[in-house]
Amino acid sequence: MSDGWTDKKKRSICNFLVNSPKGTIFLTSSDTSNVSKTAVKVFEMIDDIVEQVGKENIVQIVTDNAVNYKAAGDMLMEKRKKLFWTPCATHCIYLMLEDLEKKIKVHELTIMKGGKITIFIYSRTLLITMLKHFTKGKDLIRPAVTRFATAYLTLGCLFDNRNALRTMVASKQWKGSRFTKLEGGKYAERVIMDNRFWSNVNTCLKAAYPLIKVLRMVDLDEKPTMGFIYSEMEKAKQKIKTNFKDDRKR
């Protein structure tokens, strides 16, 4: 299994792990910062790992679903007829959530507005204290596996606390604070009191939450994903259809 990521020094790292019935172990790590990420180079890198482990010991190669890794996987299967390349289920769902945000305008704008509200509040200690008074200690930010899942989970927190947020911006504490004179405060109040914004948040969650449910399942690593991923994705698709009353346009 290959896992590409970027460290705090902006170096591109690729970890290689081996999974067997006895569990998963770390094999090696490569600094790929100065390595060309073309499909051929990725193929050569993975093929070298196959040689190290022994082709007779490998059934399946799992990587992310980036175009160059997909092409490298095809090249690997062409060379080694007994190997199967499979994209990482977590990364596939991550890309679906990314598409929702980047390719559907209502998602892009709603996440942007929700982000502005949370950034304005969480960059001011006094405002966080005021918020927690009205939400009874609840937060508006839910960290998750990926940036895009976090964006939707944060929208969910905003939606769950919408009445508390409305009460806060209508309160004497808010009206008498300096926050109402700041551009960010004026913007936050406008958005929070806008019914259309909350309707759009609900629309976004109806599309994203069924996928996030599957994302949580595949990321737990408690049991092999292959046994349930197809049925769970089918359930997610059906749930999204139901959420939008089977209206293809929606």
C-alpha atoms as a PDB file:
ATOM      1  CA  MET A   1       0.000   0.000   0.000  1.00  0.00           C
ATOM      2  CA  SER A   2       1.382   3.434  -0.896  1.00  0.00           C
ATOM      3  CA  ASP A   3       0.489   6.591   1.011  1.00  0.00           C
ATOM      4  CA  GLY A   4       1.631   9.929  -0.375  1.00  0.00           C
ATOM      5  CA  TRP A   5       1.564  13.041   1.814  1.00  0.00           C
ATOM      6  CA  THR A   6       3.305  16.370   2.438  1.00  0.00           C
ATOM      7  CA  ASP A   7       5.144  17.092   5.696  1.00  0.00           C
ATOM      8  CA  LYS A   8       5.427  20.414   7.588  1.00  0.00           C
ATOM      9  CA  LYS A   9       8.515  21.327   5.576  1.00  0.00           C
ATOM     10  CA  LYS A  10       6.492  20.939   2.358  1.00  0.00           C
ATOM     11  CA  ARG A  11       8.435  17.821   1.378  1.00  0.00           C
ATOM     12  CA  SER A  12       6.606  15.222  -0.674  1.00  0.00           C
ATOM     13  CA  ILE A  13       6.818  11.843   1.080  1.00  0.00           C
ATOM     14  CA  CYS A  14       5.614   8.432  -0.051  1.00  0.00           C
ATOM     15  CA  ASN A  15       5.255   5.692   2.577  1.00  0.00           C
ATOM     16  CA  PHE A  16       4.994   2.044   1.619  1.00  0.00           C
ATOM     17  CA  LEU A  17       3.254  -0.473   3.877  1.00  0.00           C
ATOM     18  CA  VAL A  18       2.515  -4.183   3.628  1.00  0.00           C
ATOM     19  CA  ASN A  19      -0.741  -5.724   4.765  1.00  0.00           C
ATOM     20  CA  SER A  20      -1.196  -9.424   5.510  1.00  0.00           C
ATOM     21  CA  PRO A  21      -3.482 -11.566   7.705  1.00  0.00           C
ATOM     22  CA  LYS A  22      -1.134 -10.718  10.602  1.00  0.00           C
ATOM     23  CA  GLY A  23      -1.754  -6.968  10.183  1.00  0.00           C
ATOM     24  CA  THR A  24      -0.114  -3.959   8.538  1.00  0.00           C
ATOM     25  CA  ILE A  25       3.567  -3.111   8.838  1.00  0.00           C
ATOM     26  CA  PHE A  26       5.616  -0.117   7.675  1.00  0.00           C
ATOM     27  CA  LEU A  27       8.086  -1.081   4.954  1.00  0.00           C
ATOM     28  CA  THR A  28       9.921   2.016   3.731  1.00  0.00           C
ATOM     29  CA  SER A  29       9.564   5.717   3.029  1.00  0.00           C
ATOM     30  CA  SER A  30      10.795   7.809   0.097  1.00  0.00           C
ATOM     31  CA  ASP A  31      11.306  11.558  -0.239  1.00  0.00           C
ATOM     32  CA  THR A  32       9.734  12.214  -3.637  1.00  0.00           C
ATOM     33  CA  SER A  33      10.061  16.029  -3.561  1.00  0.00           C
ATOM     34  CA  ASN A  34      12.506  16.075  -6.464  1.00  0.00           C
ATOM     35  CA  VAL A  35      11.102  13.061  -8.274  1.00  0.00           C
ATOM     36  CA  SER A  36       8.985  13.553 -11.363  1.00  0.00           C
ATOM     37  CA  LYS A  37       5.406  12.471 -10.621  1.00  0.00           C
ATOM     38  CA  THR A  38       4.768  11.160 -14.143  1.00  0.00           C
ATOM     39  CA  ALA A  39       2.968   7.836 -14.426  1.00  0.00           C
ATOM     40  CA  VAL A  40       6.179   6.155 -15.654  1.00  0.00           C
ATOM     41  CA  LYS A  41       8.188   7.333 -12.621  1.00  0.00           C
ATOM     42  CA  VAL A  42       5.420   6.303 -10.222  1.00  0.00           C
ATOM     43  CA  PHE A  43       5.230   2.906 -11.942  1.00  0.00           C
ATOM     44  CA  GLU A  44       9.011   2.431 -11.598  1.00  0.00           C
ATOM     45  CA  MET A  45       8.877   3.370  -7.902  1.00  0.00           C
ATOM     46  CA  ILE A  46       6.052   0.913  -7.128  1.00  0.00           C
ATOM     47  CA  ASP A  47       7.539  -1.815  -9.325  1.00  0.00           C
ATOM     48  CA  ASP A  48      10.795  -1.544  -7.370  1.00  0.00           C
ATOM     49  CA  ILE A  49       8.859  -2.106  -4.124  1.00  0.00           C
ATOM     50  CA  VAL A  50       7.198  -5.193  -5.675  1.00  0.00           C
ATOM     51  CA  GLU A  51      10.677  -6.580  -6.422  1.00  0.00           C
ATOM     52  CA  GLN A  52      11.785  -5.924  -2.818  1.00  0.00           C
ATOM     53  CA  VAL A  53       8.781  -7.674  -1.278  1.00  0.00           C
ATOM     54  CA  GLY A  54       8.712 -10.421  -3.907  1.00  0.00           C
ATOM     55  CA  LYS A  55       6.100 -10.585  -6.647  1.00  0.00           C
ATOM     56  CA  GLU A  56       5.064 -14.053  -5.429  1.00  0.00           C
ATOM     57  CA  ASN A  57       4.029 -12.500  -2.085  1.00  0.00           C
ATOM     58  CA  ILE A  58       1.803  -9.745  -3.517  1.00  0.00           C
ATOM     59  CA  VAL A  59      -1.799  -9.998  -4.653  1.00  0.00           C
ATOM     60  CA  GLN A  60      -2.964  -6.392  -4.579  1.00  0.00           C
ATOM     61  CA  ILE A  61      -1.457  -2.912  -4.805  1.00  0.00           C
ATOM     62  CA  VAL A  62      -3.431  -0.064  -3.172  1.00  0.00           C
ATOM     63  CA  THR A  63      -2.653   3.593  -3.981  1.00  0.00           C
ATOM     64  CA  ASP A  64      -4.577   6.843  -4.123  1.00  0.00           C
ATOM     65  CA  ASN A  65      -6.748   7.594  -7.139  1.00  0.00           C
ATOM     66  CA  ALA A  66      -4.719  10.415  -8.708  1.00  0.00           C
ATOM     67  CA  VAL A  67      -4.458  10.176 -12.510  1.00  0.00           C
ATOM     68  CA  ASN A  68      -0.728   9.341 -12.490  1.00  0.00           C
ATOM     69  CA  TYR A  69      -1.179   6.576  -9.886  1.00  0.00           C
ATOM     70  CA  LYS A  70      -4.124   5.140 -11.814  1.00  0.00           C
ATOM     71  CA  ALA A  71      -2.034   5.029 -15.001  1.00  0.00           C
ATOM     72  CA  ALA A  72       0.900   3.529 -13.065  1.00  0.00           C
ATOM     73  CA  GLY A  73      -1.458   0.869 -11.672  1.00  0.00           C
ATOM     74  CA  ASP A  74      -2.566  -0.067 -15.181  1.00  0.00           C
ATOM     75  CA  MET A  75       1.072  -0.312 -16.282  1.00  0.00           C
ATOM     76  CA  LEU A  76       1.867  -2.522 -13.297  1.00  0.00           C
ATOM     77  CA  MET A  77      -0.997  -4.914 -14.067  1.00  0.00           C
ATOM     78  CA  GLU A  78       0.132  -5.029 -17.693  1.00  0.00           C
ATOM     79  CA  LYS A  79       3.629  -6.082 -16.641  1.00  0.00           C
ATOM     80  CA  ARG A  80       2.655  -8.347 -13.757  1.00  0.00           C
ATOM     81  CA  LYS A  81      -0.381 -10.386 -14.764  1.00  0.00           C
ATOM     82  CA  LYS A  82      -1.073 -11.764 -11.265  1.00  0.00           C
ATOM     83  CA  LEU A  83      -1.283  -8.374  -9.541  1.00  0.00           C
ATOM     84  CA  PHE A  84      -4.364  -6.202  -9.066  1.00  0.00           C
ATOM     85  CA  TRP A  85      -4.201  -2.419  -8.656  1.00  0.00           C
ATOM     86  CA  THR A  86      -6.957  -0.897  -6.491  1.00  0.00           C
ATOM     87  CA  PRO A  87      -7.575   2.762  -5.638  1.00  0.00           C
ATOM     88  CA  CYS A  88      -7.878   3.668  -1.942  1.00  0.00           C
ATOM     89  CA  ALA A  89     -11.581   3.829  -0.966  1.00  0.00           C
ATOM     90  CA  THR A  90     -10.980   6.744   1.429  1.00  0.00           C
ATOM     91  CA  HIS A  91      -9.279   8.782  -1.292  1.00  0.00           C
ATOM     92  CA  CYS A  92     -12.066   8.043  -3.794  1.00  0.00           C
ATOM     93  CA  ILE A  93     -14.716   9.381  -1.399  1.00  0.00           C
ATOM     94  CA  TYR A  94     -12.473  12.340  -0.595  1.00  0.00           C
ATOM     95  CA  LEU A  95     -12.431  13.173  -4.321  1.00  0.00           C
ATOM     96  CA  MET A  96     -16.240  12.899  -4.463  1.00  0.00           C
ATOM     97  CA  LEU A  97     -16.571  15.433  -1.627  1.00  0.00           C
ATOM     98  CA  GLU A  98     -14.022  17.656  -3.362  1.00  0.00           C
ATOM     99  CA  ASP A  99     -16.104  17.525  -6.552  1.00  0.00           C
ATOM    100  CA  LEU A 100     -19.250  18.477  -4.635  1.00  0.00           C
ATOM    101  CA  GLU A 101     -17.582  21.600  -3.268  1.00  0.00           C
ATOM    102  CA  LYS A 102     -15.701  22.634  -6.400  1.00  0.00           C
ATOM    103  CA  LYS A 103     -18.205  21.775  -9.119  1.00  0.00           C
ATOM    104  CA  ILE A 104     -21.583  22.659  -7.594  1.00  0.00           C
ATOM    105  CA  LYS A 105     -22.027  26.398  -7.041  1.00  0.00           C
ATOM    106  CA  VAL A 106     -24.397  26.175  -4.080  1.00  0.00           C
ATOM    107  CA  HIS A 107     -21.911  23.953  -2.239  1.00  0.00           C
ATOM    108  CA  GLU A 108     -18.962  26.223  -3.019  1.00  0.00           C
ATOM    109  CA  LEU A 109     -20.739  29.413  -1.892  1.00  0.00           C
ATOM    110  CA  THR A 110     -22.349  27.859   1.200  1.00  0.00           C
ATOM    111  CA  ILE A 111     -19.073  26.348   2.445  1.00  0.00           C
ATOM    112  CA  MET A 112     -17.343  29.692   1.821  1.00  0.00           C
ATOM    113  CA  LYS A 113     -19.970  31.552   3.871  1.00  0.00           C
ATOM    114  CA  GLY A 114     -19.880  28.988   6.678  1.00  0.00           C
ATOM    115  CA  GLY A 115     -16.094  29.198   6.721  1.00  0.00           C
ATOM    116  CA  LYS A 116     -16.140  32.979   7.044  1.00  0.00           C
ATOM    117  CA  ILE A 117     -18.494  32.753  10.046  1.00  0.00           C
ATOM    118  CA  THR A 118     -16.389  30.182  11.893  1.00  0.00           C
ATOM    119  CA  ILE A 119     -13.089  31.964  11.121  1.00  0.00           C
ATOM    120  CA  PHE A 120     -14.484  35.271  12.397  1.00  0.00           C
ATOM    121  CA  ILE A 121     -15.760  33.698  15.625  1.00  0.00           C
ATOM    122  CA  TYR A 122     -12.812  31.418  16.377  1.00  0.00           C
ATOM    123  CA  SER A 123     -10.202  34.140  15.889  1.00  0.00           C
ATOM    124  CA  ARG A 124     -11.661  36.129  18.840  1.00  0.00           C
ATOM    125  CA  THR A 125     -11.513  34.728  22.378  1.00  0.00           C
ATOM    126  CA  LEU A 126     -14.342  36.912  23.735  1.00  0.00           C
ATOM    127  CA  LEU A 127     -16.589  35.864  20.868  1.00  0.00           C
ATOM    128  CA  ILE A 128     -15.858  32.172  21.481  1.00  0.00           C
ATOM    129  CA  THR A 129     -16.944  32.673  25.111  1.00  0.00           C
ATOM    130  CA  MET A 130     -20.136  34.416  23.953  1.00  0.00           C
ATOM    131  CA  LEU A 131     -20.821  31.648  21.419  1.00  0.00           C
ATOM    132  CA  LYS A 132     -20.415  28.868  23.997  1.00  0.00           C
ATOM    133  CA  HIS A 133     -22.834  30.641  26.313  1.00  0.00           C
ATOM    134  CA  PHE A 134     -25.563  30.440  23.661  1.00  0.00           C
ATOM    135  CA  THR A 135     -24.665  26.976  22.302  1.00  0.00           C
ATOM    136  CA  LYS A 136     -24.343  25.541  25.837  1.00  0.00           C
ATOM    137  CA  GLY A 137     -20.674  24.737  25.289  1.00  0.00           C
ATOM    138  CA  LYS A 138     -20.993  23.189  21.818  1.00  0.00           C
ATOM    139  CA  ASP A 139     -18.395  23.921  19.122  1.00  0.00           C
ATOM    140  CA  LEU A 140     -18.965  24.845  15.474  1.00  0.00           C
ATOM    141  CA  ILE A 141     -15.933  23.014  14.081  1.00  0.00           C
ATOM    142  CA  ARG A 142     -15.665  19.234  13.675  1.00  0.00           C
ATOM    143  CA  PRO A 143     -12.250  18.000  12.511  1.00  0.00           C
ATOM    144  CA  ALA A 144     -12.370  15.008  10.178  1.00  0.00           C
ATOM    145  CA  VAL A 145     -10.273  12.710   8.044  1.00  0.00           C
ATOM    146  CA  THR A 146     -10.016  15.166   5.144  1.00  0.00           C
ATOM    147  CA  ARG A 147     -10.338  18.889   4.590  1.00  0.00           C
ATOM    148  CA  PHE A 148     -13.496  18.450   2.533  1.00  0.00           C
ATOM    149  CA  ALA A 149     -15.181  16.231   5.125  1.00  0.00           C
ATOM    150  CA  THR A 150     -14.291  18.839   7.775  1.00  0.00           C
ATOM    151  CA  ALA A 151     -15.992  21.543   5.675  1.00  0.00           C
ATOM    152  CA  TYR A 152     -19.255  19.595   5.565  1.00  0.00           C
ATOM    153  CA  LEU A 153     -19.121  18.509   9.212  1.00  0.00           C
ATOM    154  CA  THR A 154     -18.599  22.168  10.175  1.00  0.00           C
ATOM    155  CA  LEU A 155     -21.695  23.075   8.121  1.00  0.00           C
ATOM    156  CA  GLY A 156     -23.503  20.369  10.100  1.00  0.00           C
ATOM    157  CA  CYS A 157     -22.428  21.949  13.401  1.00  0.00           C
ATOM    158  CA  LEU A 158     -23.583  25.360  12.182  1.00  0.00           C
ATOM    159  CA  PHE A 159     -26.927  23.878  11.151  1.00  0.00           C
ATOM    160  CA  ASP A 160     -27.399  22.106  14.494  1.00  0.00           C
ATOM    161  CA  ASN A 161     -26.696  25.375  16.314  1.00  0.00           C
ATOM    162  CA  ARG A 162     -28.534  27.720  13.944  1.00  0.00           C
ATOM    163  CA  ASN A 163     -31.131  28.757  16.522  1.00  0.00           C
ATOM    164  CA  ALA A 164     -28.434  29.460  19.117  1.00  0.00           C
ATOM    165  CA  LEU A 165     -26.506  31.542  16.552  1.00  0.00           C
ATOM    166  CA  ARG A 166     -29.624  33.516  15.633  1.00  0.00           C
ATOM    167  CA  THR A 167     -30.342  34.136  19.313  1.00  0.00           C
ATOM    168  CA  MET A 168     -26.744  35.272  19.837  1.00  0.00           C
ATOM    169  CA  VAL A 169     -26.694  37.880  17.040  1.00  0.00           C
ATOM    170  CA  ALA A 170     -30.085  39.190  18.209  1.00  0.00           C
ATOM    171  CA  SER A 171     -28.938  39.445  21.857  1.00  0.00           C
ATOM    172  CA  LYS A 172     -27.962  42.537  23.867  1.00  0.00           C
ATOM    173  CA  GLN A 173     -24.473  41.071  24.350  1.00  0.00           C
ATOM    174  CA  TRP A 174     -23.921  40.972  20.584  1.00  0.00           C
ATOM    175  CA  LYS A 175     -25.602  44.313  19.842  1.00  0.00           C
ATOM    176  CA  GLY A 176     -23.551  46.024  22.541  1.00  0.00           C
ATOM    177  CA  SER A 177     -20.244  44.485  21.472  1.00  0.00           C
ATOM    178  CA  ARG A 178     -17.576  45.893  19.182  1.00  0.00           C
ATOM    179  CA  PHE A 179     -18.037  42.922  16.861  1.00  0.00           C
ATOM    180  CA  THR A 180     -21.103  44.494  15.245  1.00  0.00           C
ATOM    181  CA  LYS A 181     -18.933  47.365  13.973  1.00  0.00           C
ATOM    182  CA  LEU A 182     -16.457  45.077  12.216  1.00  0.00           C
ATOM    183  CA  GLU A 183     -16.996  44.059   8.585  1.00  0.00           C
ATOM    184  CA  GLY A 184     -16.653  40.392   9.533  1.00  0.00           C
ATOM    185  CA  GLY A 185     -19.234  40.792  12.291  1.00  0.00           C
ATOM    186  CA  LYS A 186     -21.695  42.517   9.974  1.00  0.00           C
ATOM    187  CA  TYR A 187     -21.187  39.759   7.410  1.00  0.00           C
ATOM    188  CA  ALA A 188     -21.623  36.984   9.995  1.00  0.00           C
ATOM    189  CA  GLU A 189     -24.846  38.538  11.315  1.00  0.00           C
ATOM    190  CA  ARG A 190     -26.233  38.954   7.785  1.00  0.00           C
ATOM    191  CA  VAL A 191     -25.546  35.327   6.861  1.00  0.00           C
ATOM    192  CA  ILE A 192     -26.788  33.905  10.175  1.00  0.00           C
ATOM    193  CA  MET A 193     -30.113  35.741   9.839  1.00  0.00           C
ATOM    194  CA  ASP A 194     -30.536  34.695   6.188  1.00  0.00           C
ATOM    195  CA  ASN A 195     -33.051  31.824   5.854  1.00  0.00           C
ATOM    196  CA  ARG A 196     -31.766  31.080   2.337  1.00  0.00           C
ATOM    197  CA  PHE A 197     -28.311  30.317   3.747  1.00  0.00           C
ATOM    198  CA  TRP A 198     -29.721  27.700   6.150  1.00  0.00           C
ATOM    199  CA  SER A 199     -31.785  26.174   3.363  1.00  0.00           C
ATOM    200  CA  ASN A 200     -28.621  25.862   1.260  1.00  0.00           C
ATOM    201  CA  VAL A 201     -26.727  24.324   4.202  1.00  0.00           C
ATOM    202  CA  ASN A 202     -29.444  21.687   4.476  1.00  0.00           C
ATOM    203  CA  THR A 203     -29.159  20.984   0.734  1.00  0.00           C
ATOM    204  CA  CYS A 204     -25.377  20.513   1.003  1.00  0.00           C
ATOM    205  CA  LEU A 205     -25.695  18.147   3.963  1.00  0.00           C
ATOM    206  CA  LYS A 206     -28.290  16.002   2.183  1.00  0.00           C
ATOM    207  CA  ALA A 207     -25.723  15.330  -0.539  1.00  0.00           C
ATOM    208  CA  ALA A 208     -22.568  15.016   1.553  1.00  0.00           C
ATOM    209  CA  TYR A 209     -23.583  13.238   4.760  1.00  0.00           C
ATOM    210  CA  PRO A 210     -24.311   9.815   3.197  1.00  0.00           C
ATOM    211  CA  LEU A 211     -20.791   9.866   1.689  1.00  0.00           C
ATOM    212  CA  ILE A 212     -19.203  10.991   4.970  1.00  0.00           C
ATOM    213  CA  LYS A 213     -20.906   8.077   6.721  1.00  0.00           C
ATOM    214  CA  VAL A 214     -19.145   5.664   4.347  1.00  0.00           C
ATOM    215  CA  LEU A 215     -15.886   7.614   4.704  1.00  0.00           C
ATOM    216  CA  ARG A 216     -15.970   7.080   8.463  1.00  0.00           C
ATOM    217  CA  MET A 217     -16.547   3.355   8.000  1.00  0.00           C
ATOM    218  CA  VAL A 218     -13.666   2.814   5.563  1.00  0.00           C
ATOM    219  CA  ASP A 219     -11.270   4.942   7.620  1.00  0.00           C
ATOM    220  CA  LEU A 220     -11.742   3.007  10.866  1.00  0.00           C
ATOM    221  CA  ASP A 221      -9.519   0.138   9.704  1.00  0.00           C
ATOM    222  CA  GLU A 222     -11.473  -2.211  11.990  1.00  0.00           C
ATOM    223  CA  LYS A 223     -12.329  -4.627   9.201  1.00  0.00           C
ATOM    224  CA  PRO A 224     -11.315  -5.007   5.543  1.00  0.00           C
ATOM    225  CA  THR A 225     -13.128  -2.473   3.352  1.00  0.00           C
ATOM    226  CA  MET A 226     -13.634  -4.671   0.296  1.00  0.00           C
ATOM    227  CA  GLY A 227     -16.332  -6.737   1.979  1.00  0.00           C
ATOM    228  CA  PHE A 228     -18.737  -3.844   2.497  1.00  0.00           C
ATOM    229  CA  ILE A 229     -17.677  -0.867   0.344  1.00  0.00           C
ATOM    230  CA  TYR A 230     -19.912  -1.718  -2.640  1.00  0.00           C
ATOM    231  CA  SER A 231     -23.081  -2.234  -0.600  1.00  0.00           C
ATOM    232  CA  GLU A 232     -22.422   0.841   1.552  1.00  0.00           C
ATOM    233  CA  MET A 233     -21.833   3.046  -1.510  1.00  0.00           C
ATOM    234  CA  GLU A 234     -25.057   1.734  -3.000  1.00  0.00           C
ATOM    235  CA  LYS A 235     -26.877   2.636   0.228  1.00  0.00           C
ATOM    236  CA  ALA A 236     -25.287   6.111   0.127  1.00  0.00           C
ATOM    237  CA  LYS A 237     -26.496   6.656  -3.445  1.00  0.00           C
ATOM    238  CA  GLN A 238     -30.014   5.537  -2.528  1.00  0.00           C
ATOM    239  CA  LYS A 239     -29.992   7.805   0.536  1.00  0.00           C
ATOM    240  CA  ILE A 240     -28.968  10.816  -1.568  1.00  0.00           C
ATOM    241  CA  LYS A 241     -31.735  10.020  -4.062  1.00  0.00           C
ATOM    242  CA  THR A 242     -34.254   9.765  -1.218  1.00  0.00           C
ATOM    243  CA  ASN A 243     -33.018  13.020   0.345  1.00  0.00           C
ATOM    244  CA  PHE A 244     -33.751  14.810  -2.925  1.00  0.00           C
ATOM    245  CA  LYS A 245     -37.045  12.987  -3.506  1.00  0.00           C
ATOM    246  CA  ASP A 246     -35.564  11.133  -6.506  1.00  0.00           C
ATOM    247  CA  ASP A 247     -35.434  14.419  -8.468  1.00  0.00           C
ATOM    248  CA  ARG A 248     -32.455  14.096 -10.842  1.00  0.00           C
ATOM    249  CA  LYS A 249     -32.179  17.888 -11.305  1.00  0.00           C
ATOM    250  CA  ARG A 250     -31.716  18.344  -7.563  1.00  0.00           C
END
